[in-house]
Amino acid sequence: LLQLDDQVTLGEQLARGCGWAYASMPTGIMPEIFDLVACDAVDGP
């Protein structure tokens, strides 16, 4: 709506993150509340 292409990309990365959380679990479904080990930065190695 606001022509912010970087936010569309960000949105897809977030959506795919939730898809990954589903696939990671034995049931194929993500938990209600969970904690993750984070990288030091959003960008970069």
ModelCIF file with pLDDT and N, C-alpha, C, O atoms, coordinates in Angstrom:
data_MODEL
#
_entry.id   MODEL 
#
_entity.id                         1 
_entity.type                       polymer 
_entity.pdbx_number_of_molecules   1 
#
_entity_poly.entity_id                      1 
_entity_poly.type                           'polypeptide(L)' 
_entity_poly.nstd_linkage                   no 
_entity_poly.nstd_monomer                   no 
_entity_poly.pdbx_seq_one_letter_code       LLQLDDQVTLGEQLARGCGWAYASMPTGIMPEIFDLVACDAVDGP 
_entity_poly.pdbx_seq_one_letter_code_can   LLQLDDQVTLGEQLARGCGWAYASMPTGIMPEIFDLVACDAVDGP 
_entity_poly.pdbx_strand_id                 A 
#
loop_
_entity_poly_seq.entity_id 
_entity_poly_seq.num 
_entity_poly_seq.mon_id 
_entity_poly_seq.hetero 
1 1  LEU n 
1 2  LEU n 
1 3  GLN n 
1 4  LEU n 
1 5  ASP n 
1 6  ASP n 
1 7  GLN n 
1 8  VAL n 
1 9  THR n 
1 10 LEU n 
1 11 GLY n 
1 12 GLU n 
1 13 GLN n 
1 14 LEU n 
1 15 ALA n 
1 16 ARG n 
1 17 GLY n 
1 18 CYS n 
1 19 GLY n 
1 20 TRP n 
1 21 ALA n 
1 22 TYR n 
1 23 ALA n 
1 24 SER n 
1 25 MET n 
1 26 PRO n 
1 27 THR n 
1 28 GLY n 
1 29 ILE n 
1 30 MET n 
1 31 PRO n 
1 32 GLU n 
1 33 ILE n 
1 34 PHE n 
1 35 ASP n 
1 36 LEU n 
1 37 VAL n 
1 38 ALA n 
1 39 CYS n 
1 40 ASP n 
1 41 ALA n 
1 42 VAL n 
1 43 ASP n 
1 44 GLY n 
1 45 PRO n 
#
_struct_asym.id          A 
_struct_asym.entity_id   1 
#
loop_
_ma_qa_metric.id 
_ma_qa_metric.mode 
_ma_qa_metric.name 
_ma_qa_metric.software_group_id 
_ma_qa_metric.type 
1 global pLDDT . pLDDT 
2 local  pLDDT . pLDDT 
#
_ma_qa_metric_global.metric_id      1 
_ma_qa_metric_global.metric_value   96.47 
_ma_qa_metric_global.model_id       1 
_ma_qa_metric_global.ordinal_id     1 
#
loop_
_ma_qa_metric_local.label_asym_id 
_ma_qa_metric_local.label_comp_id 
_ma_qa_metric_local.label_seq_id 
_ma_qa_metric_local.metric_id 
_ma_qa_metric_local.metric_value 
_ma_qa_metric_local.model_id 
_ma_qa_metric_local.ordinal_id 
A LEU 1  2 98.00 1 1  
A LEU 2  2 98.00 1 2  
A GLN 3  2 98.00 1 3  
A LEU 4  2 98.00 1 4  
A ASP 5  2 98.00 1 5  
A ASP 6  2 98.00 1 6  
A GLN 7  2 98.00 1 7  
A VAL 8  2 98.00 1 8  
A THR 9  2 98.00 1 9  
A LEU 10 2 98.00 1 10 
A GLY 11 2 98.00 1 11 
A GLU 12 2 98.00 1 12 
A GLN 13 2 98.00 1 13 
A LEU 14 2 98.00 1 14 
A ALA 15 2 98.00 1 15 
A ARG 16 2 98.00 1 16 
A GLY 17 2 98.00 1 17 
A CYS 18 2 98.00 1 18 
A GLY 19 2 98.00 1 19 
A TRP 20 2 97.00 1 20 
A ALA 21 2 98.00 1 21 
A TYR 22 2 98.00 1 22 
A ALA 23 2 97.00 1 23 
A SER 24 2 96.00 1 24 
A MET 25 2 97.00 1 25 
A PRO 26 2 97.00 1 26 
A THR 27 2 98.00 1 27 
A GLY 28 2 98.00 1 28 
A ILE 29 2 98.00 1 29 
A MET 30 2 98.00 1 30 
A PRO 31 2 98.00 1 31 
A GLU 32 2 98.00 1 32 
A ILE 33 2 98.00 1 33 
A PHE 34 2 97.00 1 34 
A ASP 35 2 97.00 1 35 
A LEU 36 2 97.00 1 36 
A VAL 37 2 96.00 1 37 
A ALA 38 2 96.00 1 38 
A CYS 39 2 95.00 1 39 
A ASP 40 2 92.00 1 40 
A ALA 41 2 93.00 1 41 
A VAL 42 2 94.00 1 42 
A ASP 43 2 90.00 1 43 
A GLY 44 2 81.00 1 44 
A PRO 45 2 85.00 1 45 
#
loop_
_atom_site.group_PDB 
_atom_site.id 
_atom_site.type_symbol 
_atom_site.label_atom_id 
_atom_site.label_alt_id 
_atom_site.label_comp_id 
_atom_site.label_asym_id 
_atom_site.label_entity_id 
_atom_site.label_seq_id 
_atom_site.pdbx_PDB_ins_code 
_atom_site.Cartn_x 
_atom_site.Cartn_y 
_atom_site.Cartn_z 
_atom_site.occupancy 
_atom_site.B_iso_or_equiv 
_atom_site.pdbx_formal_charge 
_atom_site.auth_seq_id 
_atom_site.auth_comp_id 
_atom_site.auth_asym_id 
_atom_site.auth_atom_id 
_atom_site.pdbx_PDB_model_num 
ATOM 1   N N  . LEU A 1 1  ? 0.815  -1.217  0.000  1.00 98.00 ? 1  LEU A N  1 
ATOM 2   C CA . LEU A 1 1  ? 0.000  0.000   0.000  1.00 98.00 ? 1  LEU A CA 1 
ATOM 3   C C  . LEU A 1 1  ? 0.847  1.265   0.000  1.00 98.00 ? 1  LEU A C  1 
ATOM 4   O O  . LEU A 1 1  ? 0.480  2.267   -0.615 1.00 98.00 ? 1  LEU A O  1 
ATOM 5   N N  . LEU A 1 2  ? 1.981  1.216   0.691  1.00 98.00 ? 2  LEU A N  1 
ATOM 6   C CA . LEU A 1 2  ? 2.823  2.405   0.844  1.00 98.00 ? 2  LEU A CA 1 
ATOM 7   C C  . LEU A 1 2  ? 4.053  2.366   -0.055 1.00 98.00 ? 2  LEU A C  1 
ATOM 8   O O  . LEU A 1 2  ? 4.927  3.227   0.040  1.00 98.00 ? 2  LEU A O  1 
ATOM 9   N N  . GLN A 1 3  ? 4.117  1.353   -0.934 1.00 98.00 ? 3  GLN A N  1 
ATOM 10  C CA . GLN A 1 3  ? 5.214  1.191   -1.888 1.00 98.00 ? 3  GLN A CA 1 
ATOM 11  C C  . GLN A 1 3  ? 6.569  1.126   -1.188 1.00 98.00 ? 3  GLN A C  1 
ATOM 12  O O  . GLN A 1 3  ? 7.518  1.821   -1.550 1.00 98.00 ? 3  GLN A O  1 
ATOM 13  N N  . LEU A 1 4  ? 6.620  0.270   -0.179 1.00 98.00 ? 4  LEU A N  1 
ATOM 14  C CA . LEU A 1 4  ? 7.850  0.015   0.565  1.00 98.00 ? 4  LEU A CA 1 
ATOM 15  C C  . LEU A 1 4  ? 8.279  -1.417  0.253  1.00 98.00 ? 4  LEU A C  1 
ATOM 16  O O  . LEU A 1 4  ? 7.961  -2.342  1.000  1.00 98.00 ? 4  LEU A O  1 
ATOM 17  N N  . ASP A 1 5  ? 8.998  -1.594  -0.848 1.00 98.00 ? 5  ASP A N  1 
ATOM 18  C CA . ASP A 1 5  ? 9.330  -2.936  -1.317 1.00 98.00 ? 5  ASP A CA 1 
ATOM 19  C C  . ASP A 1 5  ? 10.135 -3.736  -0.301 1.00 98.00 ? 5  ASP A C  1 
ATOM 20  O O  . ASP A 1 5  ? 9.988  -4.955  -0.207 1.00 98.00 ? 5  ASP A O  1 
ATOM 21  N N  . ASP A 1 6  ? 10.989 -3.048  0.462  1.00 98.00 ? 6  ASP A N  1 
ATOM 22  C CA . ASP A 1 6  ? 11.802 -3.765  1.446  1.00 98.00 ? 6  ASP A CA 1 
ATOM 23  C C  . ASP A 1 6  ? 10.935 -4.388  2.530  1.00 98.00 ? 6  ASP A C  1 
ATOM 24  O O  . ASP A 1 6  ? 11.309 -5.403  3.118  1.00 98.00 ? 6  ASP A O  1 
ATOM 25  N N  . GLN A 1 7  ? 9.776  -3.787  2.799  1.00 98.00 ? 7  GLN A N  1 
ATOM 26  C CA . GLN A 1 7  ? 8.894  -4.357  3.814  1.00 98.00 ? 7  GLN A CA 1 
ATOM 27  C C  . GLN A 1 7  ? 8.127  -5.564  3.280  1.00 98.00 ? 7  GLN A C  1 
ATOM 28  O O  . GLN A 1 7  ? 7.772  -6.457  4.050  1.00 98.00 ? 7  GLN A O  1 
ATOM 29  N N  . VAL A 1 8  ? 7.869  -5.604  1.984  1.00 98.00 ? 8  VAL A N  1 
ATOM 30  C CA . VAL A 1 8  ? 7.268  -6.805  1.397  1.00 98.00 ? 8  VAL A CA 1 
ATOM 31  C C  . VAL A 1 8  ? 8.253  -7.968  1.523  1.00 98.00 ? 8  VAL A C  1 
ATOM 32  O O  . VAL A 1 8  ? 7.865  -9.086  1.863  1.00 98.00 ? 8  VAL A O  1 
ATOM 33  N N  . THR A 1 9  ? 9.512  -7.699  1.250  1.00 98.00 ? 9  THR A N  1 
ATOM 34  C CA . THR A 1 9  ? 10.557 -8.721  1.405  1.00 98.00 ? 9  THR A CA 1 
ATOM 35  C C  . THR A 1 9  ? 10.667 -9.167  2.858  1.00 98.00 ? 9  THR A C  1 
ATOM 36  O O  . THR A 1 9  ? 10.769 -10.360 3.145  1.00 98.00 ? 9  THR A O  1 
ATOM 37  N N  . LEU A 1 10 ? 10.645 -8.212  3.761  1.00 98.00 ? 10 LEU A N  1 
ATOM 38  C CA . LEU A 1 10 ? 10.683 -8.519  5.184  1.00 98.00 ? 10 LEU A CA 1 
ATOM 39  C C  . LEU A 1 10 ? 9.488  -9.378  5.583  1.00 98.00 ? 10 LEU A C  1 
ATOM 40  O O  . LEU A 1 10 ? 9.627  -10.340 6.338  1.00 98.00 ? 10 LEU A O  1 
ATOM 41  N N  . GLY A 1 11 ? 8.314  -9.020  5.069  1.00 98.00 ? 11 GLY A N  1 
ATOM 42  C CA . GLY A 1 11 ? 7.116  -9.792  5.374  1.00 98.00 ? 11 GLY A CA 1 
ATOM 43  C C  . GLY A 1 11 ? 7.240  -11.238 4.929  1.00 98.00 ? 11 GLY A C  1 
ATOM 44  O O  . GLY A 1 11 ? 6.818  -12.151 5.639  1.00 98.00 ? 11 GLY A O  1 
ATOM 45  N N  . GLU A 1 12 ? 7.819  -11.446 3.751  1.00 98.00 ? 12 GLU A N  1 
ATOM 46  C CA . GLU A 1 12 ? 7.989  -12.813 3.269  1.00 98.00 ? 12 GLU A CA 1 
ATOM 47  C C  . GLU A 1 12 ? 8.979  -13.584 4.137  1.00 98.00 ? 12 GLU A C  1 
ATOM 48  O O  . GLU A 1 12 ? 8.767  -14.766 4.407  1.00 98.00 ? 12 GLU A O  1 
ATOM 49  N N  . GLN A 1 13 ? 10.050 -12.938 4.574  1.00 98.00 ? 13 GLN A N  1 
ATOM 50  C CA . GLN A 1 13 ? 11.021 -13.613 5.447  1.00 98.00 ? 13 GLN A CA 1 
ATOM 51  C C  . GLN A 1 13 ? 10.376 -14.023 6.769  1.00 98.00 ? 13 GLN A C  1 
ATOM 52  O O  . GLN A 1 13 ? 10.667 -15.093 7.302  1.00 98.00 ? 13 GLN A O  1 
ATOM 53  N N  . LEU A 1 14 ? 9.510  -13.177 7.287  1.00 98.00 ? 14 LEU A N  1 
ATOM 54  C CA . LEU A 1 14 ? 8.805  -13.496 8.530  1.00 98.00 ? 14 LEU A CA 1 
ATOM 55  C C  . LEU A 1 14 ? 7.805  -14.631 8.321  1.00 98.00 ? 14 LEU A C  1 
ATOM 56  O O  . LEU A 1 14 ? 7.694  -15.524 9.161  1.00 98.00 ? 14 LEU A O  1 
ATOM 57  N N  . ALA A 1 15 ? 7.083  -14.598 7.210  1.00 98.00 ? 15 ALA A N  1 
ATOM 58  C CA . ALA A 1 15 ? 6.118  -15.660 6.920  1.00 98.00 ? 15 ALA A CA 1 
ATOM 59  C C  . ALA A 1 15 ? 6.823  -16.999 6.756  1.00 98.00 ? 15 ALA A C  1 
ATOM 60  O O  . ALA A 1 15 ? 6.359  -18.025 7.255  1.00 98.00 ? 15 ALA A O  1 
ATOM 61  N N  . ARG A 1 16 ? 7.939  -16.976 6.058  1.00 98.00 ? 16 ARG A N  1 
ATOM 62  C CA . ARG A 1 16 ? 8.700  -18.219 5.863  1.00 98.00 ? 16 ARG A CA 1 
ATOM 63  C C  . ARG A 1 16 ? 9.290  -18.707 7.186  1.00 98.00 ? 16 ARG A C  1 
ATOM 64  O O  . ARG A 1 16 ? 9.456  -19.910 7.388  1.00 98.00 ? 16 ARG A O  1 
ATOM 65  N N  . GLY A 1 17 ? 9.604  -17.781 8.077  1.00 98.00 ? 17 GLY A N  1 
ATOM 66  C CA . GLY A 1 17 ? 10.075 -18.178 9.395  1.00 98.00 ? 17 GLY A CA 1 
ATOM 67  C C  . GLY A 1 17 ? 9.051  -19.008 10.132 1.00 98.00 ? 17 GLY A C  1 
ATOM 68  O O  . GLY A 1 17 ? 9.385  -20.014 10.757 1.00 98.00 ? 17 GLY A O  1 
ATOM 69  N N  . CYS A 1 18 ? 7.804  -18.586 10.059 1.00 98.00 ? 18 CYS A N  1 
ATOM 70  C CA . CYS A 1 18 ? 6.738  -19.351 10.708 1.00 98.00 ? 18 CYS A CA 1 
ATOM 71  C C  . CYS A 1 18 ? 6.562  -20.707 10.035 1.00 98.00 ? 18 CYS A C  1 
ATOM 72  O O  . CYS A 1 18 ? 6.283  -21.705 10.700 1.00 98.00 ? 18 CYS A O  1 
ATOM 73  N N  . GLY A 1 19 ? 6.724  -20.741 8.717  1.00 98.00 ? 19 GLY A N  1 
ATOM 74  C CA . GLY A 1 19 ? 6.673  -22.019 8.013  1.00 98.00 ? 19 GLY A CA 1 
ATOM 75  C C  . GLY A 1 19 ? 7.778  -22.948 8.452  1.00 98.00 ? 19 GLY A C  1 
ATOM 76  O O  . GLY A 1 19 ? 7.560  -24.149 8.609  1.00 98.00 ? 19 GLY A O  1 
ATOM 77  N N  . TRP A 1 20 ? 8.980  -22.392 8.654  1.00 97.00 ? 20 TRP A N  1 
ATOM 78  C CA . TRP A 1 20 ? 10.104 -23.192 9.155  1.00 97.00 ? 20 TRP A CA 1 
ATOM 79  C C  . TRP A 1 20 ? 9.813  -23.738 10.543 1.00 97.00 ? 20 TRP A C  1 
ATOM 80  O O  . TRP A 1 20 ? 10.119 -24.895 10.833 1.00 97.00 ? 20 TRP A O  1 
ATOM 81  N N  . ALA A 1 21 ? 9.223  -22.912 11.407 1.00 98.00 ? 21 ALA A N  1 
ATOM 82  C CA . ALA A 1 21 ? 8.908  -23.355 12.768 1.00 98.00 ? 21 ALA A CA 1 
ATOM 83  C C  . ALA A 1 21 ? 7.909  -24.509 12.748 1.00 98.00 ? 21 ALA A C  1 
ATOM 84  O O  . ALA A 1 21 ? 7.994  -25.422 13.570 1.00 98.00 ? 21 ALA A O  1 
ATOM 85  N N  . TYR A 1 22 ? 6.962  -24.470 11.810 1.00 98.00 ? 22 TYR A N  1 
ATOM 86  C CA . TYR A 1 22 ? 6.032  -25.595 11.649 1.00 98.00 ? 22 TYR A CA 1 
ATOM 87  C C  . TYR A 1 22 ? 6.809  -26.856 11.284 1.00 98.00 ? 22 TYR A C  1 
ATOM 88  O O  . TYR A 1 22 ? 6.690  -27.882 11.954 1.00 98.00 ? 22 TYR A O  1 
ATOM 89  N N  . ALA A 1 23 ? 7.589  -26.774 10.237 1.00 97.00 ? 23 ALA A N  1 
ATOM 90  C CA . ALA A 1 23 ? 8.274  -27.952 9.700  1.00 97.00 ? 23 ALA A CA 1 
ATOM 91  C C  . ALA A 1 23 ? 9.290  -28.525 10.680 1.00 97.00 ? 23 ALA A C  1 
ATOM 92  O O  . ALA A 1 23 ? 9.631  -29.704 10.586 1.00 97.00 ? 23 ALA A O  1 
ATOM 93  N N  . SER A 1 24 ? 9.781  -27.718 11.619 1.00 96.00 ? 24 SER A N  1 
ATOM 94  C CA . SER A 1 24 ? 10.830 -28.160 12.532 1.00 96.00 ? 24 SER A CA 1 
ATOM 95  C C  . SER A 1 24 ? 10.328 -29.124 13.598 1.00 96.00 ? 24 SER A C  1 
ATOM 96  O O  . SER A 1 24 ? 11.100 -29.931 14.116 1.00 96.00 ? 24 SER A O  1 
ATOM 97  N N  . MET A 1 25 ? 9.046  -29.049 13.932 1.00 97.00 ? 25 MET A N  1 
ATOM 98  C CA . MET A 1 25 ? 8.521  -29.825 15.046 1.00 97.00 ? 25 MET A CA 1 
ATOM 99  C C  . MET A 1 25 ? 8.091  -31.229 14.608 1.00 97.00 ? 25 MET A C  1 
ATOM 100 O O  . MET A 1 25 ? 7.741  -31.425 13.445 1.00 97.00 ? 25 MET A O  1 
ATOM 101 N N  . PRO A 1 26 ? 8.113  -32.206 15.520 1.00 97.00 ? 26 PRO A N  1 
ATOM 102 C CA . PRO A 1 26 ? 7.709  -33.572 15.181 1.00 97.00 ? 26 PRO A CA 1 
ATOM 103 C C  . PRO A 1 26 ? 6.301  -33.670 14.609 1.00 97.00 ? 26 PRO A C  1 
ATOM 104 O O  . PRO A 1 26 ? 6.038  -34.509 13.747 1.00 97.00 ? 26 PRO A O  1 
ATOM 105 N N  . THR A 1 27 ? 5.394  -32.815 15.082 1.00 98.00 ? 27 THR A N  1 
ATOM 106 C CA . THR A 1 27 ? 4.022  -32.822 14.578 1.00 98.00 ? 27 THR A CA 1 
ATOM 107 C C  . THR A 1 27 ? 3.872  -32.045 13.281 1.00 98.00 ? 27 THR A C  1 
ATOM 108 O O  . THR A 1 27 ? 2.854  -32.165 12.600 1.00 98.00 ? 27 THR A O  1 
ATOM 109 N N  . GLY A 1 28 ? 4.883  -31.244 12.932 1.00 98.00 ? 28 GLY A N  1 
ATOM 110 C CA . GLY A 1 28 ? 4.770  -30.366 11.776 1.00 98.00 ? 28 GLY A CA 1 
ATOM 111 C C  . GLY A 1 28 ? 4.029  -29.086 12.081 1.00 98.00 ? 28 GLY A C  1 
ATOM 112 O O  . GLY A 1 28 ? 3.581  -28.398 11.163 1.00 98.00 ? 28 GLY A O  1 
ATOM 113 N N  . ILE A 1 29 ? 3.887  -28.745 13.378 1.00 98.00 ? 29 ILE A N  1 
ATOM 114 C CA . ILE A 1 29 ? 3.149  -27.551 13.816 1.00 98.00 ? 29 ILE A CA 1 
ATOM 115 C C  . ILE A 1 29 ? 3.989  -26.803 14.842 1.00 98.00 ? 29 ILE A C  1 
ATOM 116 O O  . ILE A 1 29 ? 4.619  -27.421 15.700 1.00 98.00 ? 29 ILE A O  1 
ATOM 117 N N  . MET A 1 30 ? 4.001  -25.484 14.756 1.00 98.00 ? 30 MET A N  1 
ATOM 118 C CA . MET A 1 30 ? 4.791  -24.687 15.681 1.00 98.00 ? 30 MET A CA 1 
ATOM 119 C C  . MET A 1 30 ? 4.105  -24.570 17.039 1.00 98.00 ? 30 MET A C  1 
ATOM 120 O O  . MET A 1 30 ? 2.880  -24.673 17.110 1.00 98.00 ? 30 MET A O  1 
ATOM 121 N N  . PRO A 1 31 ? 4.861  -24.360 18.118 1.00 98.00 ? 31 PRO A N  1 
ATOM 122 C CA . PRO A 1 31 ? 4.266  -24.178 19.447 1.00 98.00 ? 31 PRO A CA 1 
ATOM 123 C C  . PRO A 1 31 ? 3.582  -22.823 19.582 1.00 98.00 ? 31 PRO A C  1 
ATOM 124 O O  . PRO A 1 31 ? 3.797  -21.919 18.775 1.00 98.00 ? 31 PRO A O  1 
ATOM 125 N N  . GLU A 1 32 ? 2.762  -22.700 20.607 1.00 98.00 ? 32 GLU A N  1 
ATOM 126 C CA . GLU A 1 32 ? 2.087  -21.437 20.914 1.00 98.00 ? 32 GLU A CA 1 
ATOM 127 C C  . GLU A 1 32 ? 3.100  -20.357 21.289 1.00 98.00 ? 32 GLU A C  1 
ATOM 128 O O  . GLU A 1 32 ? 3.016  -19.235 20.790 1.00 98.00 ? 32 GLU A O  1 
ATOM 129 N N  . ILE A 1 33 ? 4.061  -20.683 22.167 1.00 98.00 ? 33 ILE A N  1 
ATOM 130 C CA . ILE A 1 33 ? 5.093  -19.732 22.584 1.00 98.00 ? 33 ILE A CA 1 
ATOM 131 C C  . ILE A 1 33 ? 6.422  -20.474 22.649 1.00 98.00 ? 33 ILE A C  1 
ATOM 132 O O  . ILE A 1 33 ? 6.503  -21.563 23.218 1.00 98.00 ? 33 ILE A O  1 
ATOM 133 N N  . PHE A 1 34 ? 7.465  -19.885 22.067 1.00 97.00 ? 34 PHE A N  1 
ATOM 134 C CA . PHE A 1 34 ? 8.766  -20.550 22.007 1.00 97.00 ? 34 PHE A CA 1 
ATOM 135 C C  . PHE A 1 34 ? 9.867  -19.510 21.955 1.00 97.00 ? 34 PHE A C  1 
ATOM 136 O O  . PHE A 1 34 ? 9.636  -18.349 21.619 1.00 97.00 ? 34 PHE A O  1 
ATOM 137 N N  . ASP A 1 35 ? 11.069 -19.949 22.295 1.00 97.00 ? 35 ASP A N  1 
ATOM 138 C CA . ASP A 1 35 ? 12.228 -19.057 22.307 1.00 97.00 ? 35 ASP A CA 1 
ATOM 139 C C  . ASP A 1 35 ? 13.272 -19.616 21.350 1.00 97.00 ? 35 ASP A C  1 
ATOM 140 O O  . ASP A 1 35 ? 13.416 -20.830 21.210 1.00 97.00 ? 35 ASP A O  1 
ATOM 141 N N  . LEU A 1 36 ? 13.995 -18.719 20.696 1.00 97.00 ? 36 LEU A N  1 
ATOM 142 C CA . LEU A 1 36 ? 14.997 -19.110 19.706 1.00 97.00 ? 36 LEU A CA 1 
ATOM 143 C C  . LEU A 1 36 ? 16.358 -18.521 20.061 1.00 97.00 ? 36 LEU A C  1 
ATOM 144 O O  . LEU A 1 36 ? 16.445 -17.477 20.708 1.00 97.00 ? 36 LEU A O  1 
ATOM 145 N N  . VAL A 1 37 ? 17.398 -19.189 19.638 1.00 96.00 ? 37 VAL A N  1 
ATOM 146 C CA . VAL A 1 37 ? 18.741 -18.634 19.756 1.00 96.00 ? 37 VAL A CA 1 
ATOM 147 C C  . VAL A 1 37 ? 18.945 -17.675 18.585 1.00 96.00 ? 37 VAL A C  1 
ATOM 148 O O  . VAL A 1 37 ? 18.814 -18.065 17.424 1.00 96.00 ? 37 VAL A O  1 
ATOM 149 N N  . ALA A 1 38 ? 19.262 -16.439 18.893 1.00 96.00 ? 38 ALA A N  1 
ATOM 150 C CA . ALA A 1 38 ? 19.325 -15.412 17.848 1.00 96.00 ? 38 ALA A CA 1 
ATOM 151 C C  . ALA A 1 38 ? 20.749 -15.184 17.361 1.00 96.00 ? 38 ALA A C  1 
ATOM 152 O O  . ALA A 1 38 ? 21.719 -15.368 18.096 1.00 96.00 ? 38 ALA A O  1 
ATOM 153 N N  . CYS A 1 39 ? 20.844 -14.778 16.096 1.00 95.00 ? 39 CYS A N  1 
ATOM 154 C CA . CYS A 1 39 ? 22.120 -14.320 15.543 1.00 95.00 ? 39 CYS A CA 1 
ATOM 155 C C  . CYS A 1 39 ? 22.462 -12.959 16.145 1.00 95.00 ? 39 CYS A C  1 
ATOM 156 O O  . CYS A 1 39 ? 21.605 -12.290 16.723 1.00 95.00 ? 39 CYS A O  1 
ATOM 157 N N  . ASP A 1 40 ? 23.695 -12.570 16.005 1.00 92.00 ? 40 ASP A N  1 
ATOM 158 C CA . ASP A 1 40 ? 24.106 -11.272 16.541 1.00 92.00 ? 40 ASP A CA 1 
ATOM 159 C C  . ASP A 1 40 ? 23.503 -10.110 15.754 1.00 92.00 ? 40 ASP A C  1 
ATOM 160 O O  . ASP A 1 40 ? 23.308 -9.022  16.295 1.00 92.00 ? 40 ASP A O  1 
ATOM 161 N N  . ALA A 1 41 ? 23.210 -10.345 14.479 1.00 93.00 ? 41 ALA A N  1 
ATOM 162 C CA . ALA A 1 41 ? 22.662 -9.273  13.646 1.00 93.00 ? 41 ALA A CA 1 
ATOM 163 C C  . ALA A 1 41 ? 21.635 -9.851  12.677 1.00 93.00 ? 41 ALA A C  1 
ATOM 164 O O  . ALA A 1 41 ? 21.678 -11.033 12.338 1.00 93.00 ? 41 ALA A O  1 
ATOM 165 N N  . VAL A 1 42 ? 20.714 -9.000  12.238 1.00 94.00 ? 42 VAL A N  1 
ATOM 166 C CA . VAL A 1 42 ? 19.706 -9.428  11.272 1.00 94.00 ? 42 VAL A CA 1 
ATOM 167 C C  . VAL A 1 42 ? 20.347 -9.697  9.924  1.00 94.00 ? 42 VAL A C  1 
ATOM 168 O O  . VAL A 1 42 ? 20.006 -10.670 9.252  1.00 94.00 ? 42 VAL A O  1 
ATOM 169 N N  . ASP A 1 43 ? 21.270 -8.843  9.529  1.00 90.00 ? 43 ASP A N  1 
ATOM 170 C CA . ASP A 1 43 ? 21.983 -9.001  8.262  1.00 90.00 ? 43 ASP A CA 1 
ATOM 171 C C  . ASP A 1 43 ? 23.385 -9.549  8.528  1.00 90.00 ? 43 ASP A C  1 
ATOM 172 O O  . ASP A 1 43 ? 23.910 -9.439  9.636  1.00 90.00 ? 43 ASP A O  1 
ATOM 173 N N  . GLY A 1 44 ? 23.963 -10.126 7.516  1.00 81.00 ? 44 GLY A N  1 
ATOM 174 C CA . GLY A 1 44 ? 25.338 -10.602 7.632  1.00 81.00 ? 44 GLY A CA 1 
ATOM 175 C C  . GLY A 1 44 ? 25.404 -12.080 7.979  1.00 81.00 ? 44 GLY A C  1 
ATOM 176 O O  . GLY A 1 44 ? 24.371 -12.717 8.186  1.00 81.00 ? 44 GLY A O  1 
ATOM 177 N N  . PRO A 1 45 ? 26.603 -12.628 8.044  1.00 85.00 ? 45 PRO A N  1 
ATOM 178 C CA . PRO A 1 45 ? 26.789 -14.071 8.283  1.00 85.00 ? 45 PRO A CA 1 
ATOM 179 C C  . PRO A 1 45 ? 26.350 -14.460 9.689  1.00 85.00 ? 45 PRO A C  1 
ATOM 180 O O  . PRO A 1 45 ? 26.435 -15.630 10.060 1.00 85.00 ? 45 PRO A O  1 
#
